[in-house]
Amino acid sequence: NQSQLEVTLWDSTEERPVNNSNFLGEVIINVSKLVPFAGSEVQQYFAVKTGKSVQIDYEATGQLMLTLKYLTPELAAIPGATKVADSKPVGLTLSIEEEWEKIKPRYA
């Protein structure tokens, strides 16, 4: 299985980003690795990387802690199962090791 979930992180407080200066990084999750945990909540830390989808002049670092619940079509069809429309986010925490104001990209 080659399915991937790409999570891109952006600084929404930056009012006028220049050259993707508000890009914090990305995390790629291999969905096939979630299959054994289908129907369960999974909590894991992922390394934030610069990635390939957004061009920036600095290296993105940090960790993203996600709590995911992967529902297969078979599980979603079970009577009483959580439906996508009824579901709510189960959690997202971003952890940057350095103080953001010190490492935040600045453009002249």
PDB file of N, CA and C in Angstrom:
ATOM      1  N   ASN A   1       0.845  -1.185   0.000  1.00  0.00           N
ATOM      2  CA  ASN A   1       0.000   0.000   0.000  1.00  0.00           C
ATOM      3  C   ASN A   1       0.890   1.248   0.000  1.00  0.00           C
ATOM      4  N   GLN A   2       0.616   2.156  -0.910  1.00  0.00           N
ATOM      5  CA  GLN A   2       1.418   3.370  -1.039  1.00  0.00           C
ATOM      6  C   GLN A   2       0.674   4.610  -0.573  1.00  0.00           C
ATOM      7  N   SER A   3      -0.408   4.455   0.162  1.00  0.00           N
ATOM      8  CA  SER A   3      -1.184   5.602   0.627  1.00  0.00           C
ATOM      9  C   SER A   3      -0.425   6.355   1.706  1.00  0.00           C
ATOM     10  N   GLN A   4      -0.405   7.678   1.565  1.00  0.00           N
ATOM     11  CA  GLN A   4       0.266   8.529   2.535  1.00  0.00           C
ATOM     12  C   GLN A   4      -0.658   9.659   2.951  1.00  0.00           C
ATOM     13  N   LEU A   5      -0.504  10.072   4.190  1.00  0.00           N
ATOM     14  CA  LEU A   5      -1.183  11.255   4.703  1.00  0.00           C
ATOM     15  C   LEU A   5      -0.105  12.309   4.900  1.00  0.00           C
ATOM     16  N   GLU A   6      -0.236  13.433   4.214  1.00  0.00           N
ATOM     17  CA  GLU A   6       0.743  14.510   4.315  1.00  0.00           C
ATOM     18  C   GLU A   6       0.148  15.617   5.166  1.00  0.00           C
ATOM     19  N   VAL A   7       0.837  15.938   6.255  1.00  0.00           N
ATOM     20  CA  VAL A   7       0.405  17.006   7.157  1.00  0.00           C
ATOM     21  C   VAL A   7       1.389  18.154   7.000  1.00  0.00           C
ATOM     22  N   THR A   8       0.916  19.304   6.519  1.00  0.00           N
ATOM     23  CA  THR A   8       1.782  20.474   6.418  1.00  0.00           C
ATOM     24  C   THR A   8       1.415  21.446   7.535  1.00  0.00           C
ATOM     25  N   LEU A   9       2.429  22.062   8.107  1.00  0.00           N
ATOM     26  CA  LEU A   9       2.248  22.959   9.255  1.00  0.00           C
ATOM     27  C   LEU A   9       2.599  24.388   8.837  1.00  0.00           C
ATOM     28  N   TRP A  10       1.705  25.320   9.176  1.00  0.00           N
ATOM     29  CA  TRP A  10       1.871  26.724   8.795  1.00  0.00           C
ATOM     30  C   TRP A  10       1.649  27.625   9.996  1.00  0.00           C
ATOM     31  N   ASP A  11       2.373  28.720  10.063  1.00  0.00           N
ATOM     32  CA  ASP A  11       2.193  29.732  11.104  1.00  0.00           C
ATOM     33  C   ASP A  11       1.097  30.684  10.630  1.00  0.00           C
ATOM     34  N   SER A  12      -0.088  30.546  11.184  1.00  0.00           N
ATOM     35  CA  SER A  12      -1.224  31.361  10.741  1.00  0.00           C
ATOM     36  C   SER A  12      -1.190  32.776  11.319  1.00  0.00           C
ATOM     37  N   THR A  13      -0.280  33.057  12.233  1.00  0.00           N
ATOM     38  CA  THR A  13      -0.217  34.401  12.815  1.00  0.00           C
ATOM     39  C   THR A  13       0.596  35.369  11.961  1.00  0.00           C
ATOM     40  N   GLU A  14       1.356  34.844  11.009  1.00  0.00           N
ATOM     41  CA  GLU A  14       2.159  35.714  10.152  1.00  0.00           C
ATOM     42  C   GLU A  14       1.243  36.356   9.112  1.00  0.00           C
ATOM     43  N   GLU A  15       1.122  37.681   9.176  1.00  0.00           N
ATOM     44  CA  GLU A  15       0.148  38.384   8.340  1.00  0.00           C
ATOM     45  C   GLU A  15       0.551  38.473   6.872  1.00  0.00           C
ATOM     46  N   ARG A  16       1.824  38.665   6.600  1.00  0.00           N
ATOM     47  CA  ARG A  16       2.285  38.815   5.217  1.00  0.00           C
ATOM     48  C   ARG A  16       3.481  37.899   4.955  1.00  0.00           C
ATOM     49  N   PRO A  17       3.225  36.616   4.806  1.00  0.00           N
ATOM     50  CA  PRO A  17       4.345  35.696   4.567  1.00  0.00           C
ATOM     51  C   PRO A  17       5.024  35.976   3.223  1.00  0.00           C
ATOM     52  N   VAL A  18       6.341  35.805   3.215  1.00  0.00           N
ATOM     53  CA  VAL A  18       7.142  36.004   2.008  1.00  0.00           C
ATOM     54  C   VAL A  18       7.888  34.698   1.720  1.00  0.00           C
ATOM     55  N   ASN A  19       7.778  34.202   0.492  1.00  0.00           N
ATOM     56  CA  ASN A  19       8.486  32.986   0.095  1.00  0.00           C
ATOM     57  C   ASN A  19       8.260  31.832   1.071  1.00  0.00           C
ATOM     58  N   ASN A  20       7.016  31.600   1.445  1.00  0.00           N
ATOM     59  CA  ASN A  20       6.648  30.511   2.364  1.00  0.00           C
ATOM     60  C   ASN A  20       7.278  30.659   3.740  1.00  0.00           C
ATOM     61  N   SER A  21       7.515  31.891   4.186  1.00  0.00           N
ATOM     62  CA  SER A  21       8.144  32.126   5.488  1.00  0.00           C
ATOM     63  C   SER A  21       7.291  31.637   6.648  1.00  0.00           C
ATOM     64  N   ASN A  22       6.021  31.377   6.413  1.00  0.00           N
ATOM     65  CA  ASN A  22       5.149  30.872   7.474  1.00  0.00           C
ATOM     66  C   ASN A  22       5.049  29.342   7.478  1.00  0.00           C
ATOM     67  N   PHE A  23       5.820  28.684   6.631  1.00  0.00           N
ATOM     68  CA  PHE A  23       5.836  27.220   6.587  1.00  0.00           C
ATOM     69  C   PHE A  23       6.694  26.688   7.729  1.00  0.00           C
ATOM     70  N   LEU A  24       6.121  25.809   8.543  1.00  0.00           N
ATOM     71  CA  LEU A  24       6.830  25.252   9.702  1.00  0.00           C
ATOM     72  C   LEU A  24       7.423  23.878   9.428  1.00  0.00           C
ATOM     73  N   GLY A  25       6.909  23.184   8.429  1.00  0.00           N
ATOM     74  CA  GLY A  25       7.415  21.859   8.106  1.00  0.00           C
ATOM     75  C   GLY A  25       6.281  20.924   7.740  1.00  0.00           C
ATOM     76  N   GLU A  26       6.648  19.662   7.532  1.00  0.00           N
ATOM     77  CA  GLU A  26       5.636  18.674   7.180  1.00  0.00           C
ATOM     78  C   GLU A  26       5.964  17.328   7.787  1.00  0.00           C
ATOM     79  N   VAL A  27       4.927  16.512   7.871  1.00  0.00           N
ATOM     80  CA  VAL A  27       5.033  15.141   8.367  1.00  0.00           C
ATOM     81  C   VAL A  27       4.329  14.256   7.348  1.00  0.00           C
ATOM     82  N   ILE A  28       4.977  13.157   6.982  1.00  0.00           N
ATOM     83  CA  ILE A  28       4.374  12.182   6.072  1.00  0.00           C
ATOM     84  C   ILE A  28       4.075  10.918   6.872  1.00  0.00           C
ATOM     85  N   ILE A  29       2.819  10.487   6.840  1.00  0.00           N
ATOM     86  CA  ILE A  29       2.397   9.293   7.572  1.00  0.00           C
ATOM     87  C   ILE A  29       2.033   8.211   6.563  1.00  0.00           C
ATOM     88  N   ASN A  30       2.642   7.051   6.699  1.00  0.00           N
ATOM     89  CA  ASN A  30       2.348   5.904   5.855  1.00  0.00           C
ATOM     90  C   ASN A  30       1.060   5.266   6.379  1.00  0.00           C
ATOM     91  N   VAL A  31      -0.021   5.413   5.634  1.00  0.00           N
ATOM     92  CA  VAL A  31      -1.338   4.936   6.077  1.00  0.00           C
ATOM     93  C   VAL A  31      -1.356   3.420   6.263  1.00  0.00           C
ATOM     94  N   SER A  32      -0.593   2.687   5.473  1.00  0.00           N
ATOM     95  CA  SER A  32      -0.609   1.223   5.601  1.00  0.00           C
ATOM     96  C   SER A  32      -0.115   0.775   6.978  1.00  0.00           C
ATOM     97  N   LYS A  33       0.703   1.592   7.639  1.00  0.00           N
ATOM     98  CA  LYS A  33       1.173   1.234   8.979  1.00  0.00           C
ATOM     99  C   LYS A  33       0.078   1.401  10.028  1.00  0.00           C
ATOM    100  N   LEU A  34      -1.009   2.097   9.675  1.00  0.00           N
ATOM    101  CA  LEU A  34      -2.132   2.266  10.598  1.00  0.00           C
ATOM    102  C   LEU A  34      -3.118   1.098  10.541  1.00  0.00           C
ATOM    103  N   VAL A  35      -3.059   0.306   9.477  1.00  0.00           N
ATOM    104  CA  VAL A  35      -4.030  -0.775   9.278  1.00  0.00           C
ATOM    105  C   VAL A  35      -4.117  -1.718  10.473  1.00  0.00           C
ATOM    106  N   PRO A  36      -3.001  -2.173  11.080  1.00  0.00           N
ATOM    107  CA  PRO A  36      -3.127  -3.073  12.230  1.00  0.00           C
ATOM    108  C   PRO A  36      -3.831  -2.430  13.431  1.00  0.00           C
ATOM    109  N   PHE A  37      -3.914  -1.093  13.451  1.00  0.00           N
ATOM    110  CA  PHE A  37      -4.535  -0.387  14.574  1.00  0.00           C
ATOM    111  C   PHE A  37      -5.914   0.153  14.220  1.00  0.00           C
ATOM    112  N   ALA A  38      -6.485  -0.299  13.124  1.00  0.00           N
ATOM    113  CA  ALA A  38      -7.788   0.191  12.666  1.00  0.00           C
ATOM    114  C   ALA A  38      -8.827   0.090  13.780  1.00  0.00           C
ATOM    115  N   GLY A  39      -9.561   1.168  13.967  1.00  0.00           N
ATOM    116  CA  GLY A  39     -10.600   1.223  14.990  1.00  0.00           C
ATOM    117  C   GLY A  39     -10.111   1.704  16.344  1.00  0.00           C
ATOM    118  N   SER A  40      -8.812   1.822  16.517  1.00  0.00           N
ATOM    119  CA  SER A  40      -8.235   2.263  17.795  1.00  0.00           C
ATOM    120  C   SER A  40      -7.627   3.648  17.639  1.00  0.00           C
ATOM    121  N   GLU A  41      -7.579   4.377  18.751  1.00  0.00           N
ATOM    122  CA  GLU A  41      -6.859   5.644  18.743  1.00  0.00           C
ATOM    123  C   GLU A  41      -5.377   5.351  18.918  1.00  0.00           C
ATOM    124  N   VAL A  42      -4.564   5.985  18.102  1.00  0.00           N
ATOM    125  CA  VAL A  42      -3.123   5.800  18.131  1.00  0.00           C
ATOM    126  C   VAL A  42      -2.487   7.156  18.380  1.00  0.00           C
ATOM    127  N   GLN A  43      -1.580   7.217  19.340  1.00  0.00           N
ATOM    128  CA  GLN A  43      -0.873   8.460  19.630  1.00  0.00           C
ATOM    129  C   GLN A  43       0.609   8.242  19.354  1.00  0.00           C
ATOM    130  N   GLN A  44       1.194   9.153  18.567  1.00  0.00           N
ATOM    131  CA  GLN A  44       2.592   8.980  18.195  1.00  0.00           C
ATOM    132  C   GLN A  44       3.220  10.332  17.891  1.00  0.00           C
ATOM    133  N   TYR A  45       4.538  10.416  18.158  1.00  0.00           N
ATOM    134  CA  TYR A  45       5.321  11.594  17.794  1.00  0.00           C
ATOM    135  C   TYR A  45       5.926  11.363  16.414  1.00  0.00           C
ATOM    136  N   PHE A  46       5.884  12.396  15.583  1.00  0.00           N
ATOM    137  CA  PHE A  46       6.469  12.345  14.248  1.00  0.00           C
ATOM    138  C   PHE A  46       7.477  13.470  14.111  1.00  0.00           C
ATOM    139  N   ALA A  47       8.583  13.195  13.446  1.00  0.00           N
ATOM    140  CA  ALA A  47       9.586  14.226  13.202  1.00  0.00           C
ATOM    141  C   ALA A  47       9.076  15.177  12.123  1.00  0.00           C
ATOM    142  N   VAL A  48       9.155  16.475  12.405  1.00  0.00           N
ATOM    143  CA  VAL A  48       8.792  17.494  11.423  1.00  0.00           C
ATOM    144  C   VAL A  48      10.010  17.704  10.529  1.00  0.00           C
ATOM    145  N   LYS A  49       9.781  17.661   9.220  1.00  0.00           N
ATOM    146  CA  LYS A  49      10.881  17.794   8.258  1.00  0.00           C
ATOM    147  C   LYS A  49      10.584  18.902   7.264  1.00  0.00           C
ATOM    148  N   THR A  50      11.621  19.307   6.568  1.00  0.00           N
ATOM    149  CA  THR A  50      11.469  20.342   5.557  1.00  0.00           C
ATOM    150  C   THR A  50      10.566  19.855   4.435  1.00  0.00           C
ATOM    151  N   GLY A  51      10.735  18.633   4.009  1.00  0.00           N
ATOM    152  CA  GLY A  51       9.874  18.049   2.999  1.00  0.00           C
ATOM    153  C   GLY A  51      10.200  18.506   1.595  1.00  0.00           C
ATOM    154  N   LYS A  52       9.356  18.087   0.656  1.00  0.00           N
ATOM    155  CA  LYS A  52       9.577  18.388  -0.751  1.00  0.00           C
ATOM    156  C   LYS A  52       8.451  19.191  -1.369  1.00  0.00           C
ATOM    157  N   SER A  53       7.313  19.272  -0.701  1.00  0.00           N
ATOM    158  CA  SER A  53       6.153  19.919  -1.315  1.00  0.00           C
ATOM    159  C   SER A  53       6.202  21.442  -1.256  1.00  0.00           C
ATOM    160  N   VAL A  54       6.977  22.006  -0.322  1.00  0.00           N
ATOM    161  CA  VAL A  54       7.069  23.460  -0.165  1.00  0.00           C
ATOM    162  C   VAL A  54       8.544  23.848  -0.173  1.00  0.00           C
ATOM    163  N   GLN A  55       8.896  24.795  -1.008  1.00  0.00           N
ATOM    164  CA  GLN A  55      10.291  25.228  -1.125  1.00  0.00           C
ATOM    165  C   GLN A  55      10.604  26.304  -0.092  1.00  0.00           C
ATOM    166  N   ILE A  56      11.612  26.051   0.764  1.00  0.00           N
ATOM    167  CA  ILE A  56      12.061  27.019   1.755  1.00  0.00           C
ATOM    168  C   ILE A  56      13.587  26.998   1.823  1.00  0.00           C
ATOM    169  N   ASP A  57      14.166  28.055   2.399  1.00  0.00           N
ATOM    170  CA  ASP A  57      15.623  28.204   2.461  1.00  0.00           C
ATOM    171  C   ASP A  57      16.209  27.803   3.808  1.00  0.00           C
ATOM    172  N   TYR A  58      15.465  27.131   4.641  1.00  0.00           N
ATOM    173  CA  TYR A  58      15.927  26.733   5.965  1.00  0.00           C
ATOM    174  C   TYR A  58      15.420  25.334   6.249  1.00  0.00           C
ATOM    175  N   GLU A  59      15.978  24.712   7.271  1.00  0.00           N
ATOM    176  CA  GLU A  59      15.563  23.361   7.619  1.00  0.00           C
ATOM    177  C   GLU A  59      14.483  23.404   8.697  1.00  0.00           C
ATOM    178  N   ALA A  60      13.370  22.748   8.435  1.00  0.00           N
ATOM    179  CA  ALA A  60      12.289  22.639   9.420  1.00  0.00           C
ATOM    180  C   ALA A  60      12.649  21.538  10.409  1.00  0.00           C
ATOM    181  N   THR A  61      12.446  21.808  11.694  1.00  0.00           N
ATOM    182  CA  THR A  61      12.722  20.813  12.736  1.00  0.00           C
ATOM    183  C   THR A  61      11.599  20.830  13.751  1.00  0.00           C
ATOM    184  N   GLY A  62      11.582  19.840  14.605  1.00  0.00           N
ATOM    185  CA  GLY A  62      10.599  19.762  15.676  1.00  0.00           C
ATOM    186  C   GLY A  62       9.898  18.424  15.672  1.00  0.00           C
ATOM    187  N   GLN A  63       8.866  18.310  16.479  1.00  0.00           N
ATOM    188  CA  GLN A  63       8.080  17.093  16.559  1.00  0.00           C
ATOM    189  C   GLN A  63       6.605  17.460  16.553  1.00  0.00           C
ATOM    190  N   LEU A  64       5.819  16.595  15.960  1.00  0.00           N
ATOM    191  CA  LEU A  64       4.374  16.740  15.943  1.00  0.00           C
ATOM    192  C   LEU A  64       3.792  15.511  16.609  1.00  0.00           C
ATOM    193  N   MET A  65       2.991  15.721  17.648  1.00  0.00           N
ATOM    194  CA  MET A  65       2.337  14.606  18.313  1.00  0.00           C
ATOM    195  C   MET A  65       0.893  14.562  17.816  1.00  0.00           C
ATOM    196  N   LEU A  66       0.528  13.448  17.221  1.00  0.00           N
ATOM    197  CA  LEU A  66      -0.819  13.270  16.694  1.00  0.00           C
ATOM    198  C   LEU A  66      -1.517  12.127  17.408  1.00  0.00           C
ATOM    199  N   THR A  67      -2.802  12.303  17.600  1.00  0.00           N
ATOM    200  CA  THR A  67      -3.668  11.216  18.036  1.00  0.00           C
ATOM    201  C   THR A  67      -4.608  10.951  16.868  1.00  0.00           C
ATOM    202  N   LEU A  68      -4.529   9.764  16.313  1.00  0.00           N
ATOM    203  CA  LEU A  68      -5.300   9.409  15.124  1.00  0.00           C
ATOM    204  C   LEU A  68      -6.236   8.251  15.419  1.00  0.00           C
ATOM    205  N   LYS A  69      -7.351   8.231  14.712  1.00  0.00           N
ATOM    206  CA  LYS A  69      -8.240   7.072  14.738  1.00  0.00           C
ATOM    207  C   LYS A  69      -8.531   6.720  13.291  1.00  0.00           C
ATOM    208  N   TYR A  70      -8.033   5.575  12.878  1.00  0.00           N
ATOM    209  CA  TYR A  70      -8.164   5.135  11.495  1.00  0.00           C
ATOM    210  C   TYR A  70      -9.362   4.200  11.378  1.00  0.00           C
ATOM    211  N   LEU A  71     -10.356   4.606  10.590  1.00  0.00           N
ATOM    212  CA  LEU A  71     -11.535   3.771  10.357  1.00  0.00           C
ATOM    213  C   LEU A  71     -11.503   3.251   8.930  1.00  0.00           C
ATOM    214  N   THR A  72     -11.497   1.951   8.782  1.00  0.00           N
ATOM    215  CA  THR A  72     -11.586   1.342   7.459  1.00  0.00           C
ATOM    216  C   THR A  72     -13.048   1.374   7.016  1.00  0.00           C
ATOM    217  N   PRO A  73     -13.324   1.228   5.724  1.00  0.00           N
ATOM    218  CA  PRO A  73     -14.731   1.189   5.276  1.00  0.00           C
ATOM    219  C   PRO A  73     -15.531   0.101   5.979  1.00  0.00           C
ATOM    220  N   GLU A  74     -14.875  -1.034   6.271  1.00  0.00           N
ATOM    221  CA  GLU A  74     -15.577  -2.138   6.953  1.00  0.00           C
ATOM    222  C   GLU A  74     -15.983  -1.726   8.374  1.00  0.00           C
ATOM    223  N   LEU A  75     -15.083  -1.045   9.082  1.00  0.00           N
ATOM    224  CA  LEU A  75     -15.396  -0.605  10.441  1.00  0.00           C
ATOM    225  C   LEU A  75     -16.458   0.485  10.444  1.00  0.00           C
ATOM    226  N   ALA A  76     -16.397   1.370   9.461  1.00  0.00           N
ATOM    227  CA  ALA A  76     -17.373   2.460   9.383  1.00  0.00           C
ATOM    228  C   ALA A  76     -18.775   1.937   9.086  1.00  0.00           C
ATOM    229  N   ALA A  77     -18.887   0.750   8.463  1.00  0.00           N
ATOM    230  CA  ALA A  77     -20.187   0.178   8.107  1.00  0.00           C
ATOM    231  C   ALA A  77     -20.864  -0.540   9.271  1.00  0.00           C
ATOM    232  N   ILE A  78     -20.144  -0.783  10.360  1.00  0.00           N
ATOM    233  CA  ILE A  78     -20.714  -1.493  11.510  1.00  0.00           C
ATOM    234  C   ILE A  78     -21.754  -0.597  12.190  1.00  0.00           C
ATOM    235  N   PRO A  79     -22.976  -1.118  12.455  1.00  0.00           N
ATOM    236  CA  PRO A  79     -23.985  -0.302  13.135  1.00  0.00           C
ATOM    237  C   PRO A  79     -23.453   0.233  14.463  1.00  0.00           C
ATOM    238  N   GLY A  80     -23.657   1.513  14.685  1.00  0.00           N
ATOM    239  CA  GLY A  80     -23.200   2.137  15.924  1.00  0.00           C
ATOM    240  C   GLY A  80     -21.771   2.649  15.866  1.00  0.00           C
ATOM    241  N   ALA A  81     -21.069   2.390  14.763  1.00  0.00           N
ATOM    242  CA  ALA A  81     -19.685   2.872  14.625  1.00  0.00           C
ATOM    243  C   ALA A  81     -19.677   4.378  14.437  1.00  0.00           C
ATOM    244  N   THR A  82     -18.601   5.002  14.808  1.00  0.00           N
ATOM    245  CA  THR A  82     -18.457   6.442  14.633  1.00  0.00           C
ATOM    246  C   THR A  82     -18.461   6.772  13.149  1.00  0.00           C
ATOM    247  N   LYS A  83     -19.316   7.668  12.754  1.00  0.00           N
ATOM    248  CA  LYS A  83     -19.361   8.122  11.371  1.00  0.00           C
ATOM    249  C   LYS A  83     -18.495   9.365  11.246  1.00  0.00           C
ATOM    250  N   VAL A  84     -17.947   9.593  10.049  1.00  0.00           N
ATOM    251  CA  VAL A  84     -17.084  10.751   9.831  1.00  0.00           C
ATOM    252  C   VAL A  84     -17.814  12.038  10.198  1.00  0.00           C
ATOM    253  N   ALA A  85     -19.087  12.150   9.830  1.00  0.00           N
ATOM    254  CA  ALA A  85     -19.846  13.366  10.126  1.00  0.00           C
ATOM    255  C   ALA A  85     -20.023  13.569  11.630  1.00  0.00           C
ATOM    256  N   ASP A  86     -20.020  12.471  12.402  1.00  0.00           N
ATOM    257  CA  ASP A  86     -20.213  12.562  13.851  1.00  0.00           C
ATOM    258  C   ASP A  86     -18.902  12.676  14.611  1.00  0.00           C
ATOM    259  N   SER A  87     -17.788  12.507  13.918  1.00  0.00           N
ATOM    260  CA  SER A  87     -16.507  12.461  14.615  1.00  0.00           C
ATOM    261  C   SER A  87     -15.995  13.862  14.907  1.00  0.00           C
ATOM    262  N   LYS A  88     -15.048  13.936  15.812  1.00  0.00           N
ATOM    263  CA  LYS A  88     -14.404  15.201  16.143  1.00  0.00           C
ATOM    264  C   LYS A  88     -12.902  14.957  16.177  1.00  0.00           C
ATOM    265  N   PRO A  89     -12.102  16.012  15.989  1.00  0.00           N
ATOM    266  CA  PRO A  89     -10.656  15.807  16.065  1.00  0.00           C
ATOM    267  C   PRO A  89     -10.274  15.233  17.420  1.00  0.00           C
ATOM    268  N   VAL A  90      -9.330  14.295  17.429  1.00  0.00           N
ATOM    269  CA  VAL A  90      -8.938  13.687  18.692  1.00  0.00           C
ATOM    270  C   VAL A  90      -7.661  14.268  19.263  1.00  0.00           C
ATOM    271  N   GLY A  91      -6.968  15.134  18.524  1.00  0.00           N
ATOM    272  CA  GLY A  91      -5.832  15.803  19.147  1.00  0.00           C
ATOM    273  C   GLY A  91      -4.697  16.129  18.205  1.00  0.00           C
ATOM    274  N   LEU A  92      -4.056  17.247  18.474  1.00  0.00           N
ATOM    275  CA  LEU A  92      -2.892  17.675  17.725  1.00  0.00           C
ATOM    276  C   LEU A  92      -2.061  18.560  18.636  1.00  0.00           C
ATOM    277  N   THR A  93      -0.799  18.220  18.789  1.00  0.00           N
ATOM    278  CA  THR A  93       0.116  19.025  19.593  1.00  0.00           C
ATOM    279  C   THR A  93       1.397  19.218  18.806  1.00  0.00           C
ATOM    280  N   LEU A  94       1.850  20.447  18.683  1.00  0.00           N
ATOM    281  CA  LEU A  94       3.090  20.749  17.997  1.00  0.00           C
ATOM    282  C   LEU A  94       4.130  21.140  19.020  1.00  0.00           C
ATOM    283  N   SER A  95       5.281  20.499  18.930  1.00  0.00           N
ATOM    284  CA  SER A  95       6.372  20.789  19.863  1.00  0.00           C
ATOM    285  C   SER A  95       7.596  21.198  19.066  1.00  0.00           C
ATOM    286  N   ILE A  96       8.075  22.417  19.294  1.00  0.00           N
ATOM    287  CA  ILE A  96       9.299  22.893  18.659  1.00  0.00           C
ATOM    288  C   ILE A  96      10.333  23.013  19.753  1.00  0.00           C
ATOM    289  N   GLU A  97      11.470  22.365  19.548  1.00  0.00           N
ATOM    290  CA  GLU A  97      12.482  22.289  20.596  1.00  0.00           C
ATOM    291  C   GLU A  97      13.073  23.644  20.957  1.00  0.00           C
ATOM    292  N   GLU A  98      13.273  24.518  19.977  1.00  0.00           N
ATOM    293  CA  GLU A  98      13.852  25.823  20.232  1.00  0.00           C
ATOM    294  C   GLU A  98      12.755  26.861  20.446  1.00  0.00           C
ATOM    295  N   GLU A  99      13.113  28.000  21.010  1.00  0.00           N
ATOM    296  CA  GLU A  99      12.149  29.082  21.199  1.00  0.00           C
ATOM    297  C   GLU A  99      11.806  29.654  19.821  1.00  0.00           C
ATOM    298  N   TRP A 100      10.529  29.682  19.475  1.00  0.00           N
ATOM    299  CA  TRP A 100      10.090  30.038  18.130  1.00  0.00           C
ATOM    300  C   TRP A 100      10.577  31.422  17.701  1.00  0.00           C
ATOM    301  N   GLU A 101      10.510  32.412  18.547  1.00  0.00           N
ATOM    302  CA  GLU A 101      10.911  33.759  18.171  1.00  0.00           C
ATOM    303  C   GLU A 101      12.392  33.837  17.812  1.00  0.00           C
ATOM    304  N   LYS A 102      13.196  32.948  18.348  1.00  0.00           N
ATOM    305  CA  LYS A 102      14.627  32.940  18.032  1.00  0.00           C
ATOM    306  C   LYS A 102      14.933  32.241  16.718  1.00  0.00           C
ATOM    307  N   ILE A 103      14.170  31.216  16.376  1.00  0.00           N
ATOM    308  CA  ILE A 103      14.464  30.448  15.170  1.00  0.00           C
ATOM    309  C   ILE A 103      13.549  30.776  13.995  1.00  0.00           C
ATOM    310  N   LYS A 104      12.540  31.591  14.212  1.00  0.00           N
ATOM    311  CA  LYS A 104      11.587  31.946  13.171  1.00  0.00           C
ATOM    312  C   LYS A 104      12.313  32.607  12.003  1.00  0.00           C
ATOM    313  N   PRO A 105      12.047  32.171  10.766  1.00  0.00           N
ATOM    314  CA  PRO A 105      12.709  32.779   9.609  1.00  0.00           C
ATOM    315  C   PRO A 105      12.348  34.254   9.476  1.00  0.00           C
ATOM    316  N   ARG A 106      13.306  35.061   9.132  1.00  0.00           N
ATOM    317  CA  ARG A 106      13.079  36.506   8.955  1.00  0.00           C
ATOM    318  C   ARG A 106      13.598  36.906   7.585  1.00  0.00           C
ATOM    319  N   TYR A 107      12.848  37.752   6.924  1.00  0.00           N
ATOM    320  CA  TYR A 107      13.242  38.238   5.602  1.00  0.00           C
ATOM    321  C   TYR A 107      13.336  39.756   5.645  1.00  0.00           C
ATOM    322  N   ALA A 108      14.358  40.285   5.029  1.00  0.00           N
ATOM    323  CA  ALA A 108      14.587  41.737   5.023  1.00  0.00           C
ATOM    324  C   ALA A 108      13.683  42.420   4.038  1.00  0.00           C
TER     325      ALA A 108
END
